[in-house]
Amino acid sequence: MTRLFIPSLVPILTVAALLAALAFRWGRRGVGAYCLSLVAWATSLLLAVDPDTRRVGESLLMVGFFVPAAYLHAVSEDLRWHTRLVGLFYVGAVGMTALGALPQGLFLQDGGTTPGPLWGPMFALAGVASLVPLLRLWRALPELSDGERERARYLLFAGVLGTFGGGTNILLMMTAHPYPAGLYMVLGSLALLAWVVQSTRLPDFGRFVDASLRYSLIAALLSTLFLLLALWVTKVGGGASYSWGAAFLLFLVVLVGQPLLFWARGQLAASFFAGKGGVEGITRALAESEARAEHAGRLAEIGTLASAVAHEVRNPLGVITAATTLLERQGADPATLDEIRQQVRRAAHFADDLLEYGRPEPLSLRPVDLTGAASMAASEVRQALPLDPMPEITVSGEAPPVEGDLGQLARLIGILVENAALAGAGRIAIRVSEEPEAVRVELDDDGPGVPEAIAPRLFEPFVTGRSRQSPRPGTGLGLAIARGVAERHHGHLRHDGRSTELGGARFVLEIPRRQPLPSG
């Protein structure tokens, strides 16, 4: 054994044991079982490489068959699969562990460094057992929702690292001086599992590699340099020397510990302050908390006011509607009654818009095809507006789905289409296109355009360019509601002046493909 082999097993033992405790605490029994199986496997290796405990460790080496069984358990639990394979795998692991404990050394001998008579079938069976959950997970990826797919990618990559790490370790142990490269892969799988255990909503896997892992790499590198310097200072004069292999091992240990350290730092900071750990994080959390509190306070005031006004408006509207029906039975002038009903509908529409503006519905996020949402909005406007002739509305272009609320995004686009139609447009063109990190929706019409007098205040509440003679007089809240929907999706909605194609108004909407993770 190389001198790095045993030190490489120690972090696997400690990190896996800690992760198991956290997993069971948070109800992730499958991940907990997987971590415990790694603890048992690493313990058997430690016992096998020590001459004093070699016989015991050698008899326990087949406990490694619990690793693929527990991995299948973790995947099935996290993705809510119901399969009998988990139980069969555990039964098989018990059987292989019992056979490995027989004194004949059927699979491995000499502390796992010499193949036994049945080593080949054992290794093939281990490979099949490890590949079954990986292939099952890989085939299920296209059928999963976005959130489930991200979790599956983390689990898949962790399983690949653990599987190839374990297999590589078995093969390297057959050499005279095995290098712990396989154990390094197992450490990497534990690093990914640490994120799975502590996160209820994982970031996009590519974004994780680009951001979170990049931060961890930098932090691990700096910590490794610091620890090496500290060890050198403490050992100076003692004649100790450090190899590149030792430095690399230390780097991996610190890297694997980053997610757990991040969690521990957050827990400790939360005990003293509701924010991130560190002075910079606490300062930033304080500023964000104050801004959120002020914004939430304003929204609450607006929502309360909107509810009160809507309630006070709707009550007399109900009385007026009932009185209109009574007057109709008494033979009142039909034209007068129609005018009353029209004004009642207008006031009711205003109350609905006011309530929608003051108390918006929370977002129900899912993948949304904005081309389909635009087509849906156009269809609803055609059915709702009493226009003859109805303007020609075309929807074109394709783009990847965005993470958003289908109903609210269709409502946003519908407001723009309705405004263009009521302004007198004969043609309305909607185009959807892909941006580097977002999806863009452009709406052009051939109407009169936005009056210059109201253009600077177009998205403010109660600003409207429609007259009372319009088929549906404006409340001045439609564009304010539309911009609110865009902002809640972390997007942008703007009036882009005159359309160069059709000559009327032009609006541009941009929605990010992924919603940012909640802070705090």
Protein backbone atom coordinates (compact mmCIF):
# COMPACT_ATOMS: atom_id res chain seq x y z
CA MET A 1 0.00 0.00 0.00
CA THR A 2 1.14 3.54 -0.69
CA ARG A 3 1.32 5.84 2.28
CA LEU A 4 -1.62 7.87 0.91
CA PHE A 5 -4.02 4.92 0.83
CA ILE A 6 -5.05 4.91 4.49
CA PRO A 7 -5.22 8.74 4.75
CA SER A 8 -7.55 8.66 1.72
CA LEU A 9 -9.93 6.30 3.54
CA VAL A 10 -10.22 8.48 6.63
CA PRO A 11 -12.07 11.40 4.95
CA ILE A 12 -14.40 8.93 3.23
CA LEU A 13 -15.28 7.49 6.61
CA THR A 14 -15.79 10.83 8.35
CA VAL A 15 -17.61 12.65 5.54
CA ALA A 16 -19.85 9.68 4.74
CA ALA A 17 -20.73 9.22 8.41
CA LEU A 18 -21.60 12.92 8.80
CA LEU A 19 -23.63 12.91 5.59
CA ALA A 20 -25.49 9.81 6.74
CA ALA A 21 -26.44 11.53 9.99
CA LEU A 22 -27.66 14.62 8.13
CA ALA A 23 -29.54 12.53 5.56
CA PHE A 24 -31.41 10.53 8.19
CA ARG A 25 -32.14 13.72 10.12
CA TRP A 26 -33.75 15.28 7.03
CA GLY A 27 -35.69 12.16 6.08
CA ARG A 28 -33.48 11.07 3.14
CA ARG A 29 -33.12 7.45 4.18
CA GLY A 30 -31.88 6.25 0.79
CA VAL A 31 -28.97 8.70 0.74
CA GLY A 32 -28.32 7.89 4.38
CA ALA A 33 -28.16 4.17 3.59
CA TYR A 34 -25.79 4.87 0.68
CA CYS A 35 -23.46 6.85 2.93
CA LEU A 36 -23.56 4.14 5.60
CA SER A 37 -22.67 1.52 2.99
CA LEU A 38 -19.62 3.62 2.07
CA VAL A 39 -18.71 3.80 5.76
CA ALA A 40 -18.91 0.00 6.01
CA TRP A 41 -16.90 -0.47 2.80
CA ALA A 42 -14.19 2.00 3.85
CA THR A 43 -14.01 0.35 7.29
CA SER A 44 -13.48 -3.07 5.69
CA LEU A 45 -10.62 -1.63 3.59
CA LEU A 46 -9.00 -0.06 6.64
CA LEU A 47 -9.16 -3.37 8.47
CA ALA A 48 -7.88 -5.27 5.42
CA VAL A 49 -4.74 -3.14 4.95
CA ASP A 50 -3.70 -3.45 8.60
CA PRO A 51 -1.70 -6.68 9.20
CA ASP A 52 -3.23 -7.09 12.66
CA THR A 53 -6.83 -7.02 11.37
CA ARG A 54 -6.31 -8.32 7.85
CA ARG A 55 -8.35 -11.50 8.27
CA VAL A 56 -11.36 -9.60 9.65
CA GLY A 57 -11.18 -6.93 6.96
CA GLU A 58 -10.77 -9.48 4.19
CA SER A 59 -13.90 -11.33 5.34
CA LEU A 60 -15.88 -8.07 5.23
CA LEU A 61 -14.79 -6.76 1.83
CA MET A 62 -17.94 -8.03 0.10
CA VAL A 63 -19.94 -5.52 2.16
CA GLY A 64 -19.19 -3.28 -0.80
CA PHE A 65 -22.18 -4.89 -2.57
CA PHE A 66 -24.38 -2.81 -0.28
CA VAL A 67 -23.11 0.32 -2.09
CA PRO A 68 -25.00 -0.24 -5.41
CA ALA A 69 -28.03 -1.53 -3.49
CA ALA A 70 -28.15 1.59 -1.33
CA TYR A 71 -27.51 3.80 -4.37
CA LEU A 72 -30.57 2.29 -6.09
CA HIS A 73 -32.46 2.90 -2.83
CA ALA A 74 -31.38 6.58 -2.82
CA VAL A 75 -32.37 7.12 -6.45
CA SER A 76 -35.73 5.38 -6.05
CA GLU A 77 -36.59 7.35 -2.93
CA ASP A 78 -35.50 10.74 -4.26
CA LEU A 79 -37.40 10.32 -7.54
CA ARG A 80 -40.35 8.50 -5.90
CA TRP A 81 -39.96 5.26 -7.82
CA HIS A 82 -41.72 2.16 -6.53
CA THR A 83 -39.61 -0.88 -7.44
CA ARG A 84 -38.92 -4.30 -5.96
CA LEU A 85 -35.36 -4.14 -7.24
CA VAL A 86 -34.25 -2.30 -4.10
CA GLY A 87 -35.22 -5.23 -1.88
CA LEU A 88 -33.67 -7.75 -4.30
CA PHE A 89 -30.42 -5.79 -4.37
CA TYR A 90 -30.25 -5.70 -0.57
CA VAL A 91 -30.89 -9.46 -0.40
CA GLY A 92 -28.12 -10.02 -2.94
CA ALA A 93 -25.76 -7.80 -0.90
CA VAL A 94 -26.48 -9.85 2.22
CA GLY A 95 -25.77 -13.07 0.31
CA MET A 96 -22.47 -11.80 -1.15
CA THR A 97 -21.35 -10.48 2.24
CA ALA A 98 -22.07 -13.90 3.77
CA LEU A 99 -20.13 -15.70 1.02
CA GLY A 100 -17.22 -13.29 1.40
CA ALA A 101 -17.05 -14.08 5.10
CA LEU A 102 -16.37 -17.78 4.41
CA PRO A 103 -12.80 -18.78 5.31
CA GLN A 104 -12.00 -20.14 1.82
CA GLY A 105 -11.35 -16.65 0.39
CA LEU A 106 -13.57 -17.23 -2.62
CA PHE A 107 -13.32 -13.69 -3.99
CA LEU A 108 -10.32 -11.88 -2.49
CA GLN A 109 -7.31 -12.98 -0.47
CA ASP A 110 -4.33 -11.41 1.29
CA GLY A 111 -6.27 -8.38 2.44
CA GLY A 112 -7.87 -7.84 -0.94
CA THR A 113 -4.62 -7.73 -2.90
CA THR A 114 -4.85 -11.22 -4.45
CA PRO A 115 -7.78 -12.56 -6.50
CA GLY A 116 -9.58 -15.65 -5.24
CA PRO A 117 -10.99 -18.46 -7.39
CA LEU A 118 -14.30 -16.65 -7.96
CA TRP A 119 -12.86 -13.14 -8.33
CA GLY A 120 -13.87 -12.80 -12.01
CA PRO A 121 -17.58 -13.64 -11.55
CA MET A 122 -17.65 -11.46 -8.43
CA PHE A 123 -16.20 -8.45 -10.26
CA ALA A 124 -18.61 -8.94 -13.20
CA LEU A 125 -21.58 -9.19 -10.82
CA ALA A 126 -20.46 -6.03 -9.01
CA GLY A 127 -20.24 -4.22 -12.34
CA VAL A 128 -23.74 -5.28 -13.38
CA ALA A 129 -25.19 -4.37 -9.98
CA SER A 130 -23.60 -0.91 -10.21
CA LEU A 131 -24.70 -0.26 -13.79
CA VAL A 132 -28.37 -1.21 -13.32
CA PRO A 133 -29.36 1.88 -11.26
CA LEU A 134 -27.18 4.13 -13.43
CA LEU A 135 -28.83 2.96 -16.66
CA ARG A 136 -32.28 3.14 -15.09
CA LEU A 137 -31.62 6.71 -14.00
CA TRP A 138 -30.17 7.68 -17.39
CA ARG A 139 -33.17 6.33 -19.29
CA ALA A 140 -35.60 8.17 -16.98
CA LEU A 141 -34.02 11.62 -17.46
CA PRO A 142 -36.13 12.74 -20.47
CA GLU A 143 -39.38 11.84 -18.68
CA LEU A 144 -38.68 13.86 -15.53
CA SER A 145 -39.76 17.39 -14.76
CA ASP A 146 -37.10 20.12 -14.67
CA GLY A 147 -36.64 20.02 -10.90
CA GLU A 148 -36.53 16.22 -10.81
CA ARG A 149 -34.15 16.17 -13.79
CA GLU A 150 -31.64 18.37 -11.98
CA ARG A 151 -31.68 16.12 -8.91
CA ALA A 152 -31.30 13.09 -11.16
CA ARG A 153 -28.24 14.61 -12.85
CA TYR A 154 -26.54 15.16 -9.51
CA LEU A 155 -27.38 11.63 -8.39
CA LEU A 156 -26.28 10.18 -11.72
CA PHE A 157 -22.91 11.91 -11.68
CA ALA A 158 -22.38 10.98 -8.03
CA GLY A 159 -23.23 7.36 -8.87
CA VAL A 160 -20.85 7.31 -11.84
CA LEU A 161 -18.00 8.65 -9.72
CA GLY A 162 -18.73 6.21 -6.91
CA THR A 163 -19.09 3.21 -9.23
CA PHE A 164 -15.93 3.81 -11.23
CA GLY A 165 -14.11 4.81 -8.07
CA GLY A 166 -14.96 1.55 -6.36
CA GLY A 167 -14.07 -0.54 -9.42
CA THR A 168 -10.81 1.33 -9.95
CA ASN A 169 -9.89 0.81 -6.32
CA ILE A 170 -10.42 -2.97 -6.57
CA LEU A 171 -8.22 -3.18 -9.65
CA LEU A 172 -5.47 -0.98 -8.20
CA MET A 173 -5.37 -3.04 -5.00
CA MET A 174 -4.17 -5.95 -7.13
CA THR A 175 -0.98 -4.04 -7.93
CA ALA A 176 2.09 -3.98 -5.74
CA HIS A 177 1.69 -0.31 -4.80
CA PRO A 178 -1.92 0.73 -5.28
CA TYR A 179 -2.49 4.47 -5.70
CA PRO A 180 -5.80 5.69 -4.17
CA ALA A 181 -7.17 7.17 -7.43
CA GLY A 182 -10.43 5.23 -7.00
CA LEU A 183 -10.86 6.61 -3.50
CA TYR A 184 -10.51 10.13 -4.89
CA MET A 185 -13.49 9.43 -7.18
CA VAL A 186 -15.51 8.21 -4.19
CA LEU A 187 -14.66 11.46 -2.40
CA GLY A 188 -15.97 13.35 -5.42
CA SER A 189 -19.25 11.46 -5.31
CA LEU A 190 -19.62 12.39 -1.64
CA ALA A 191 -19.08 16.06 -2.53
CA LEU A 192 -22.06 15.94 -4.92
CA LEU A 193 -24.20 14.04 -2.43
CA ALA A 194 -23.48 16.74 0.14
CA TRP A 195 -25.25 19.24 -2.14
CA VAL A 196 -28.15 16.85 -2.74
CA VAL A 197 -28.65 16.29 0.98
CA GLN A 198 -28.60 19.94 2.04
CA SER A 199 -30.56 21.45 -0.89
CA THR A 200 -34.31 21.32 -1.47
CA ARG A 201 -33.91 23.02 -4.85
CA LEU A 202 -30.69 22.36 -6.69
CA PRO A 203 -29.24 24.82 -9.19
CA ASP A 204 -28.93 23.90 -12.83
CA PHE A 205 -26.15 21.31 -13.06
CA GLY A 206 -24.20 23.36 -15.60
CA ARG A 207 -24.65 26.46 -13.46
CA PHE A 208 -23.50 24.48 -10.42
CA VAL A 209 -20.28 23.48 -12.17
CA ASP A 210 -19.77 27.01 -13.42
CA ALA A 211 -20.48 28.81 -10.16
CA SER A 212 -20.73 26.72 -7.00
CA LEU A 213 -18.02 24.22 -7.89
CA ARG A 214 -15.79 27.00 -9.18
CA TYR A 215 -16.10 28.75 -5.84
CA SER A 216 -15.39 25.50 -4.01
CA LEU A 217 -12.29 24.87 -6.14
CA ILE A 218 -10.89 28.30 -5.37
CA ALA A 219 -11.73 28.00 -1.68
CA ALA A 220 -10.22 24.49 -1.54
CA LEU A 221 -7.05 25.63 -3.28
CA LEU A 222 -6.58 28.57 -0.93
CA SER A 223 -7.35 26.40 2.10
CA THR A 224 -4.90 23.77 0.89
CA LEU A 225 -2.11 26.31 0.50
CA PHE A 226 -2.87 27.67 3.93
CA LEU A 227 -2.91 24.23 5.53
CA LEU A 228 0.32 23.25 3.80
CA LEU A 229 1.93 26.42 5.07
CA ALA A 230 0.62 25.73 8.56
CA LEU A 231 1.90 22.15 8.46
CA TRP A 232 5.28 23.33 7.20
CA VAL A 233 5.53 25.88 9.97
CA THR A 234 4.62 23.34 12.63
CA LYS A 235 6.99 20.72 11.22
CA VAL A 236 9.90 23.01 10.34
CA GLY A 237 13.04 21.63 11.84
CA GLY A 238 11.53 18.16 12.05
CA GLY A 239 12.78 17.07 8.66
CA ALA A 240 9.27 16.40 7.31
CA SER A 241 8.77 16.54 3.57
CA TYR A 242 5.57 16.81 1.51
CA SER A 243 4.92 15.28 -1.87
CA TRP A 244 2.63 16.42 -4.64
CA GLY A 245 0.45 13.40 -3.87
CA ALA A 246 0.01 14.52 -0.26
CA ALA A 247 -0.83 18.03 -1.41
CA PHE A 248 -3.39 16.67 -3.89
CA LEU A 249 -4.99 14.50 -1.22
CA LEU A 250 -5.21 17.45 1.15
CA PHE A 251 -6.78 19.50 -1.65
CA LEU A 252 -9.44 16.82 -2.26
CA VAL A 253 -10.22 16.56 1.44
CA VAL A 254 -10.80 20.29 1.71
CA LEU A 255 -12.82 20.32 -1.53
CA VAL A 256 -15.13 17.55 -0.34
CA GLY A 257 -15.64 19.38 2.93
CA GLN A 258 -16.71 22.65 1.27
CA PRO A 259 -20.46 21.89 1.02
CA LEU A 260 -20.54 20.64 4.61
CA LEU A 261 -18.53 23.63 5.80
CA PHE A 262 -20.92 25.88 3.87
CA TRP A 263 -23.88 24.28 5.62
CA ALA A 264 -22.21 24.41 9.05
CA ARG A 265 -21.24 28.05 8.54
CA GLY A 266 -24.82 28.87 7.59
CA GLN A 267 -26.18 27.05 10.64
CA LEU A 268 -23.81 28.83 13.00
CA ALA A 269 -24.52 32.20 11.41
CA ALA A 270 -28.27 31.57 11.65
CA SER A 271 -27.86 31.05 15.41
CA PHE A 272 -26.60 34.61 15.79
CA PHE A 273 -28.01 36.44 12.76
CA ALA A 274 -30.64 35.72 10.12
CA GLY A 275 -28.34 35.86 7.13
CA LYS A 276 -25.20 34.47 5.59
CA GLY A 277 -22.05 33.77 7.50
CA GLY A 278 -19.18 36.21 7.53
CA VAL A 279 -19.10 39.98 7.87
CA GLU A 280 -19.69 40.60 4.17
CA GLY A 281 -22.54 38.10 4.03
CA ILE A 282 -24.19 39.50 7.16
CA THR A 283 -23.98 43.05 5.80
CA ARG A 284 -25.44 41.96 2.47
CA ALA A 285 -28.18 39.93 4.19
CA LEU A 286 -29.08 42.93 6.37
CA ALA A 287 -29.40 45.22 3.35
CA GLU A 288 -31.43 42.65 1.42
CA SER A 289 -33.64 41.98 4.43
CA GLU A 290 -34.41 45.68 4.92
CA ALA A 291 -35.14 46.14 1.21
CA ARG A 292 -37.42 43.10 1.15
CA ALA A 293 -39.21 44.24 4.30
CA GLU A 294 -39.80 47.73 2.89
CA HIS A 295 -40.97 46.36 -0.46
CA ALA A 296 -43.19 43.77 1.21
CA GLY A 297 -44.66 46.47 3.44
CA ARG A 298 -45.57 48.61 0.43
CA LEU A 299 -47.05 45.66 -1.42
CA ALA A 300 -49.10 44.76 1.64
CA GLU A 301 -50.45 48.32 1.89
CA ILE A 302 -51.34 48.36 -1.82
CA GLY A 303 -52.95 44.94 -1.53
CA THR A 304 -55.04 45.97 1.47
CA LEU A 305 -56.14 49.17 -0.26
CA ALA A 306 -56.96 47.32 -3.48
CA SER A 307 -59.03 44.73 -1.62
CA ALA A 308 -60.94 47.41 0.26
CA VAL A 309 -61.66 49.45 -2.88
CA ALA A 310 -62.66 46.37 -4.88
CA HIS A 311 -65.00 45.29 -2.09
CA GLU A 312 -66.59 48.75 -1.80
CA VAL A 313 -67.05 48.94 -5.55
CA ARG A 314 -68.49 45.46 -6.01
CA ASN A 315 -71.16 45.79 -3.32
CA PRO A 316 -73.00 48.73 -4.93
CA LEU A 317 -72.48 47.15 -8.36
CA GLY A 318 -74.47 44.14 -7.18
CA VAL A 319 -77.25 46.40 -5.98
CA ILE A 320 -77.27 48.35 -9.26
CA THR A 321 -77.41 45.11 -11.29
CA ALA A 322 -80.36 43.86 -9.25
CA ALA A 323 -82.14 47.22 -9.59
CA THR A 324 -81.54 47.19 -13.36
CA THR A 325 -83.22 43.80 -13.63
CA LEU A 326 -86.17 45.13 -11.62
CA LEU A 327 -86.45 48.22 -13.85
CA GLU A 328 -86.37 45.98 -16.93
CA ARG A 329 -89.38 44.03 -15.61
CA GLN A 330 -91.18 47.33 -15.02
CA GLY A 331 -90.69 48.34 -18.66
CA ALA A 332 -87.87 50.88 -18.37
CA ASP A 333 -86.17 52.18 -21.51
CA PRO A 334 -83.92 49.37 -22.91
CA ALA A 335 -81.28 51.80 -24.21
CA THR A 336 -80.93 53.34 -20.75
CA LEU A 337 -80.66 49.92 -19.15
CA ASP A 338 -77.96 48.87 -21.64
CA GLU A 339 -75.98 51.97 -20.79
CA ILE A 340 -76.27 51.19 -17.07
CA ARG A 341 -75.14 47.60 -17.62
CA GLN A 342 -72.21 48.77 -19.74
CA GLN A 343 -71.03 51.09 -16.99
CA VAL A 344 -71.49 48.32 -14.40
CA ARG A 345 -69.29 46.01 -16.49
CA ARG A 346 -66.71 48.76 -16.80
CA ALA A 347 -66.65 49.32 -13.03
CA ALA A 348 -66.46 45.57 -12.38
CA HIS A 349 -63.56 45.30 -14.84
CA PHE A 350 -61.81 48.12 -12.99
CA ALA A 351 -62.32 46.36 -9.64
CA ASP A 352 -60.91 43.11 -11.05
CA ASP A 353 -57.86 44.88 -12.49
CA LEU A 354 -57.28 46.78 -9.27
CA LEU A 355 -57.34 43.57 -7.25
CA GLU A 356 -55.05 41.83 -9.73
CA TYR A 357 -52.59 44.74 -9.57
CA GLY A 358 -52.65 45.05 -5.79
CA ARG A 359 -52.68 41.35 -4.90
CA PRO A 360 -50.97 39.34 -7.65
CA GLU A 361 -51.17 35.57 -7.51
CA PRO A 362 -47.97 33.69 -6.54
CA LEU A 363 -46.08 32.11 -9.42
CA SER A 364 -46.67 28.45 -10.21
CA LEU A 365 -43.41 27.62 -12.00
CA ARG A 366 -43.14 25.02 -14.73
CA PRO A 367 -41.65 24.86 -18.26
CA VAL A 368 -43.55 27.30 -20.48
CA ASP A 369 -43.41 27.50 -24.27
CA LEU A 370 -43.82 31.24 -24.93
CA THR A 371 -44.87 30.59 -28.53
CA GLY A 372 -47.73 28.48 -27.19
CA ALA A 373 -48.50 31.08 -24.52
CA ALA A 374 -48.68 33.80 -27.21
CA SER A 375 -51.01 31.66 -29.33
CA MET A 376 -53.19 31.06 -26.27
CA ALA A 377 -53.29 34.80 -25.52
CA ALA A 378 -54.21 35.64 -29.12
CA SER A 379 -57.04 33.09 -29.10
CA GLU A 380 -58.46 34.45 -25.83
CA VAL A 381 -58.39 38.03 -27.14
CA ARG A 382 -60.20 36.98 -30.33
CA GLN A 383 -62.98 35.42 -28.25
CA ALA A 384 -63.23 38.23 -25.68
CA LEU A 385 -63.20 41.42 -27.75
CA PRO A 386 -66.34 42.65 -29.52
CA LEU A 387 -64.48 43.85 -32.62
CA ASP A 388 -65.59 43.54 -36.24
CA PRO A 389 -63.40 43.11 -38.11
CA MET A 390 -60.94 41.46 -35.74
CA PRO A 391 -57.29 42.38 -36.43
CA GLU A 392 -55.03 39.77 -38.02
CA ILE A 393 -52.84 38.27 -35.28
CA THR A 394 -49.81 36.17 -36.25
CA VAL A 395 -47.47 34.26 -33.94
CA SER A 396 -44.10 33.04 -35.23
CA GLY A 397 -40.74 31.80 -34.00
CA GLU A 398 -39.59 29.12 -31.58
CA ALA A 399 -37.41 29.10 -28.48
CA PRO A 400 -36.59 26.78 -25.57
CA PRO A 401 -39.14 26.76 -22.76
CA VAL A 402 -38.75 29.20 -19.88
CA GLU A 403 -39.37 28.51 -16.21
CA GLY A 404 -42.51 30.47 -15.46
CA ASP A 405 -46.22 30.64 -14.76
CA LEU A 406 -48.15 29.81 -17.95
CA GLY A 407 -51.34 31.60 -16.95
CA GLN A 408 -49.64 34.83 -15.91
CA LEU A 409 -47.32 34.94 -18.94
CA ALA A 410 -50.27 34.36 -21.28
CA ARG A 411 -52.11 37.14 -19.41
CA LEU A 412 -49.14 39.48 -19.94
CA ILE A 413 -49.03 38.85 -23.68
CA GLY A 414 -52.82 39.06 -23.85
CA ILE A 415 -52.76 42.55 -22.34
CA LEU A 416 -50.37 43.70 -25.07
CA VAL A 417 -52.47 42.10 -27.82
CA GLU A 418 -55.71 43.52 -26.41
CA ASN A 419 -54.24 47.03 -26.15
CA ALA A 420 -53.08 46.89 -29.78
CA ALA A 421 -56.45 45.61 -30.99
CA LEU A 422 -58.46 48.21 -29.07
CA ALA A 423 -56.15 50.96 -30.32
CA GLY A 424 -57.30 50.22 -33.86
CA ALA A 425 -54.53 47.95 -35.18
CA GLY A 426 -55.38 45.85 -38.22
CA ARG A 427 -52.27 43.64 -37.98
CA ILE A 428 -50.50 42.38 -34.88
CA ALA A 429 -47.28 40.37 -35.24
CA ILE A 430 -45.80 38.40 -32.34
CA ARG A 431 -42.32 36.90 -32.76
CA VAL A 432 -40.57 34.61 -30.27
CA SER A 433 -36.79 34.20 -30.39
CA GLU A 434 -33.96 32.80 -28.28
CA GLU A 435 -31.42 34.97 -26.46
CA PRO A 436 -28.24 33.64 -24.74
CA GLU A 437 -29.92 33.34 -21.31
CA ALA A 438 -33.51 34.37 -22.03
CA VAL A 439 -36.41 34.17 -24.47
CA ARG A 440 -37.50 37.32 -26.28
CA VAL A 441 -41.08 38.15 -27.35
CA GLU A 442 -41.57 41.08 -29.74
CA LEU A 443 -45.02 42.50 -30.47
CA ASP A 444 -45.52 44.94 -33.37
CA ASP A 445 -48.76 46.44 -34.70
CA ASP A 446 -49.86 48.83 -37.44
CA GLY A 447 -52.01 50.99 -35.17
CA PRO A 448 -51.56 54.66 -34.25
CA GLY A 449 -48.84 53.90 -31.68
CA VAL A 450 -48.49 55.19 -28.13
CA PRO A 451 -49.20 58.91 -27.72
CA GLU A 452 -46.00 60.80 -26.95
CA ALA A 453 -47.65 62.53 -23.99
CA ILE A 454 -48.07 59.32 -22.02
CA ALA A 455 -45.08 57.32 -23.33
CA PRO A 456 -42.75 58.20 -20.38
CA ARG A 457 -45.43 57.12 -17.85
CA LEU A 458 -46.88 54.25 -19.86
CA PHE A 459 -46.36 51.53 -17.23
CA GLU A 460 -47.54 53.60 -14.28
CA PRO A 461 -50.95 52.76 -12.74
CA PHE A 462 -54.01 54.62 -14.06
CA VAL A 463 -52.25 55.87 -17.21
CA THR A 464 -54.26 55.05 -20.33
CA GLY A 465 -54.52 56.30 -23.89
CA ARG A 466 -58.01 54.90 -24.55
CA SER A 467 -60.99 57.19 -24.77
CA ARG A 468 -64.43 56.60 -23.28
CA GLN A 469 -65.70 55.83 -26.80
CA SER A 470 -63.44 52.77 -27.02
CA PRO A 471 -65.21 49.36 -27.19
CA ARG A 472 -63.61 48.71 -23.81
CA PRO A 473 -62.41 51.88 -22.03
CA GLY A 474 -59.11 51.41 -20.29
CA THR A 475 -58.59 51.26 -16.54
CA GLY A 476 -54.95 52.32 -16.78
CA LEU A 477 -53.85 49.15 -14.96
CA GLY A 478 -53.25 46.68 -17.80
CA LEU A 479 -49.64 47.59 -18.60
CA ALA A 480 -48.84 48.02 -14.90
CA ILE A 481 -50.09 44.46 -14.34
CA ALA A 482 -48.11 43.23 -17.36
CA ARG A 483 -44.86 44.78 -16.13
CA GLY A 484 -45.50 43.30 -12.67
CA VAL A 485 -45.77 39.82 -14.20
CA ALA A 486 -42.51 40.36 -16.11
CA GLU A 487 -40.67 41.59 -12.99
CA ARG A 488 -41.90 38.70 -10.85
CA HIS A 489 -40.34 36.44 -13.49
CA HIS A 490 -37.11 38.48 -13.23
CA GLY A 491 -37.72 39.65 -16.78
CA HIS A 492 -38.17 42.97 -18.56
CA LEU A 493 -41.05 44.55 -20.48
CA ARG A 494 -40.51 47.78 -22.37
CA HIS A 495 -42.11 49.99 -24.99
CA ASP A 496 -39.64 50.13 -27.87
CA GLY A 497 -41.08 53.14 -29.69
CA ARG A 498 -42.41 52.88 -33.23
CA SER A 499 -42.40 49.57 -35.08
CA THR A 500 -40.06 49.75 -38.06
CA GLU A 501 -41.95 46.89 -39.70
CA LEU A 502 -45.61 47.81 -39.23
CA GLY A 503 -45.40 51.46 -38.15
CA GLY A 504 -47.41 51.19 -34.93
CA ALA A 505 -46.41 50.41 -31.35
CA ARG A 506 -43.65 47.97 -30.51
CA PHE A 507 -43.23 46.14 -27.19
CA VAL A 508 -40.38 43.82 -26.21
CA LEU A 509 -40.56 41.21 -23.45
CA GLU A 510 -37.56 39.22 -22.19
CA ILE A 511 -37.96 36.32 -19.74
CA PRO A 512 -34.94 34.37 -18.38
CA ARG A 513 -34.99 30.67 -19.16
CA ARG A 514 -34.23 29.84 -15.54
CA GLN A 515 -35.54 31.61 -12.49
CA PRO A 516 -32.76 32.47 -10.00
CA LEU A 517 -32.54 30.46 -6.81
CA PRO A 518 -34.13 32.14 -3.78
CA SER A 519 -31.59 33.88 -1.57
CA GLY A 520 -31.31 33.34 2.14
